[in-house]
Amino acid sequence: DLDPKLQAALKEYLLARGVTPELATSLREHLLQKEQAQYVSWLKTLEGMFTKDH
């Protein structure tokens, strides 16, 4: 955990630059969806490698 003073300073810094809690939530959701899509793509590639051999 970050020091509470550092947390407050970081929050203030981000808010001053337009990074609101809503934006942070949207970014997190987008990145989670992207990561999931990449994982599924990787699994399909892996599956393709095994099905070609058999």
N, C-alpha and C. Protein backbone atom coordinates (compact mmCIF):
# COMPACT_ATOMS: atom_id res chain seq x y z
N ASP A 1 0.83 -1.19 0.00
CA ASP A 1 0.00 0.00 0.00
C ASP A 1 0.87 1.26 0.00
N LEU A 2 0.39 2.24 -0.74
CA LEU A 2 1.10 3.52 -0.77
C LEU A 2 0.78 4.33 0.48
N ASP A 3 1.71 5.14 0.86
CA ASP A 3 1.51 6.08 1.96
C ASP A 3 0.27 6.93 1.64
N PRO A 4 -0.61 7.18 2.61
CA PRO A 4 -1.81 7.97 2.36
C PRO A 4 -1.53 9.34 1.74
N LYS A 5 -0.45 9.99 2.15
CA LYS A 5 -0.12 11.30 1.57
C LYS A 5 0.25 11.16 0.10
N LEU A 6 0.96 10.10 -0.23
CA LEU A 6 1.33 9.86 -1.62
C LEU A 6 0.09 9.52 -2.45
N GLN A 7 -0.82 8.74 -1.88
CA GLN A 7 -2.07 8.42 -2.56
C GLN A 7 -2.85 9.69 -2.88
N ALA A 8 -2.97 10.57 -1.90
CA ALA A 8 -3.70 11.82 -2.09
C ALA A 8 -3.03 12.69 -3.14
N ALA A 9 -1.71 12.76 -3.12
CA ALA A 9 -0.98 13.56 -4.10
C ALA A 9 -1.16 12.99 -5.50
N LEU A 10 -1.13 11.68 -5.64
CA LEU A 10 -1.32 11.05 -6.94
C LEU A 10 -2.73 11.29 -7.46
N LYS A 11 -3.72 11.16 -6.57
CA LYS A 11 -5.10 11.41 -6.97
C LYS A 11 -5.27 12.85 -7.44
N GLU A 12 -4.71 13.79 -6.71
CA GLU A 12 -4.78 15.20 -7.08
C GLU A 12 -4.10 15.44 -8.43
N TYR A 13 -2.95 14.83 -8.63
CA TYR A 13 -2.20 14.96 -9.88
C TYR A 13 -3.03 14.46 -11.06
N LEU A 14 -3.63 13.27 -10.90
CA LEU A 14 -4.42 12.69 -11.99
C LEU A 14 -5.67 13.51 -12.27
N LEU A 15 -6.36 13.94 -11.22
CA LEU A 15 -7.56 14.75 -11.41
C LEU A 15 -7.24 16.06 -12.12
N ALA A 16 -6.11 16.67 -11.80
CA ALA A 16 -5.70 17.92 -12.44
C ALA A 16 -5.46 17.73 -13.93
N ARG A 17 -5.18 16.49 -14.33
CA ARG A 17 -4.92 16.20 -15.73
C ARG A 17 -6.10 15.53 -16.42
N GLY A 18 -7.25 15.57 -15.78
CA GLY A 18 -8.48 15.07 -16.40
C GLY A 18 -8.73 13.58 -16.24
N VAL A 19 -7.97 12.92 -15.41
CA VAL A 19 -8.18 11.49 -15.19
C VAL A 19 -9.14 11.34 -14.01
N THR A 20 -10.41 11.25 -14.35
CA THR A 20 -11.46 11.13 -13.34
C THR A 20 -11.64 9.67 -12.96
N PRO A 21 -12.34 9.41 -11.86
CA PRO A 21 -12.62 8.01 -11.51
C PRO A 21 -13.38 7.28 -12.62
N GLU A 22 -14.28 7.99 -13.29
CA GLU A 22 -15.04 7.37 -14.38
C GLU A 22 -14.12 6.98 -15.53
N LEU A 23 -13.19 7.86 -15.87
CA LEU A 23 -12.24 7.55 -16.94
C LEU A 23 -11.36 6.37 -16.54
N ALA A 24 -10.90 6.36 -15.33
CA ALA A 24 -10.06 5.26 -14.85
C ALA A 24 -10.81 3.93 -14.92
N THR A 25 -12.08 3.94 -14.55
CA THR A 25 -12.90 2.73 -14.61
C THR A 25 -13.08 2.28 -16.05
N SER A 26 -13.36 3.22 -16.95
CA SER A 26 -13.52 2.89 -18.36
C SER A 26 -12.24 2.31 -18.95
N LEU A 27 -11.11 2.91 -18.61
CA LEU A 27 -9.82 2.41 -19.10
C LEU A 27 -9.56 1.00 -18.58
N ARG A 28 -9.85 0.78 -17.32
CA ARG A 28 -9.64 -0.55 -16.73
C ARG A 28 -10.49 -1.59 -17.43
N GLU A 29 -11.78 -1.27 -17.66
CA GLU A 29 -12.67 -2.21 -18.34
C GLU A 29 -12.20 -2.49 -19.75
N HIS A 30 -11.79 -1.44 -20.46
CA HIS A 30 -11.29 -1.61 -21.83
C HIS A 30 -10.05 -2.51 -21.86
N LEU A 31 -9.12 -2.26 -20.94
CA LEU A 31 -7.89 -3.05 -20.91
C LEU A 31 -8.16 -4.50 -20.52
N LEU A 32 -9.11 -4.74 -19.63
CA LEU A 32 -9.47 -6.11 -19.27
C LEU A 32 -10.07 -6.85 -20.47
N GLN A 33 -10.92 -6.16 -21.24
CA GLN A 33 -11.51 -6.76 -22.43
C GLN A 33 -10.44 -7.06 -23.47
N LYS A 34 -9.51 -6.13 -23.64
CA LYS A 34 -8.42 -6.32 -24.60
C LYS A 34 -7.56 -7.52 -24.19
N GLU A 35 -7.23 -7.60 -22.91
CA GLU A 35 -6.42 -8.71 -22.42
C GLU A 35 -7.13 -10.04 -22.64
N GLN A 36 -8.43 -10.07 -22.39
CA GLN A 36 -9.21 -11.29 -22.58
C GLN A 36 -9.21 -11.70 -24.05
N ALA A 37 -9.38 -10.73 -24.95
CA ALA A 37 -9.38 -11.02 -26.39
C ALA A 37 -8.01 -11.55 -26.82
N GLN A 38 -6.95 -10.98 -26.30
CA GLN A 38 -5.61 -11.46 -26.64
C GLN A 38 -5.39 -12.88 -26.12
N TYR A 39 -5.89 -13.17 -24.95
CA TYR A 39 -5.75 -14.51 -24.37
C TYR A 39 -6.51 -15.54 -25.21
N VAL A 40 -7.72 -15.20 -25.61
CA VAL A 40 -8.52 -16.11 -26.44
C VAL A 40 -7.82 -16.33 -27.77
N SER A 41 -7.28 -15.28 -28.35
CA SER A 41 -6.53 -15.42 -29.60
C SER A 41 -5.33 -16.34 -29.43
N TRP A 42 -4.61 -16.18 -28.33
CA TRP A 42 -3.46 -17.03 -28.04
C TRP A 42 -3.89 -18.49 -27.90
N LEU A 43 -5.01 -18.72 -27.20
CA LEU A 43 -5.51 -20.08 -27.03
C LEU A 43 -5.88 -20.70 -28.38
N LYS A 44 -6.50 -19.91 -29.26
CA LYS A 44 -6.86 -20.42 -30.59
C LYS A 44 -5.61 -20.75 -31.40
N THR A 45 -4.58 -19.93 -31.28
CA THR A 45 -3.31 -20.21 -31.96
C THR A 45 -2.71 -21.50 -31.43
N LEU A 46 -2.72 -21.66 -30.14
CA LEU A 46 -2.20 -22.87 -29.51
C LEU A 46 -2.99 -24.09 -29.95
N GLU A 47 -4.30 -23.95 -29.98
CA GLU A 47 -5.16 -25.05 -30.42
C GLU A 47 -4.83 -25.42 -31.87
N GLY A 48 -4.63 -24.41 -32.71
CA GLY A 48 -4.29 -24.66 -34.11
C GLY A 48 -2.98 -25.41 -34.25
N MET A 49 -2.04 -25.12 -33.41
CA MET A 49 -0.75 -25.81 -33.46
C MET A 49 -0.92 -27.29 -33.14
N PHE A 50 -1.78 -27.60 -32.19
CA PHE A 50 -1.98 -29.00 -31.80
C PHE A 50 -2.84 -29.75 -32.79
N THR A 51 -3.82 -29.09 -33.38
CA THR A 51 -4.70 -29.80 -34.32
C THR A 51 -3.99 -30.05 -35.64
N LYS A 52 -2.99 -29.26 -36.00
CA LYS A 52 -2.23 -29.49 -37.23
C LYS A 52 -1.39 -30.75 -37.11
N ASP A 53 -0.90 -31.04 -35.92
CA ASP A 53 -0.03 -32.19 -35.71
C ASP A 53 -0.80 -33.51 -35.67
N HIS A 54 -2.09 -33.45 -35.37
CA HIS A 54 -2.84 -34.70 -35.21
C HIS A 54 -3.93 -34.81 -36.21
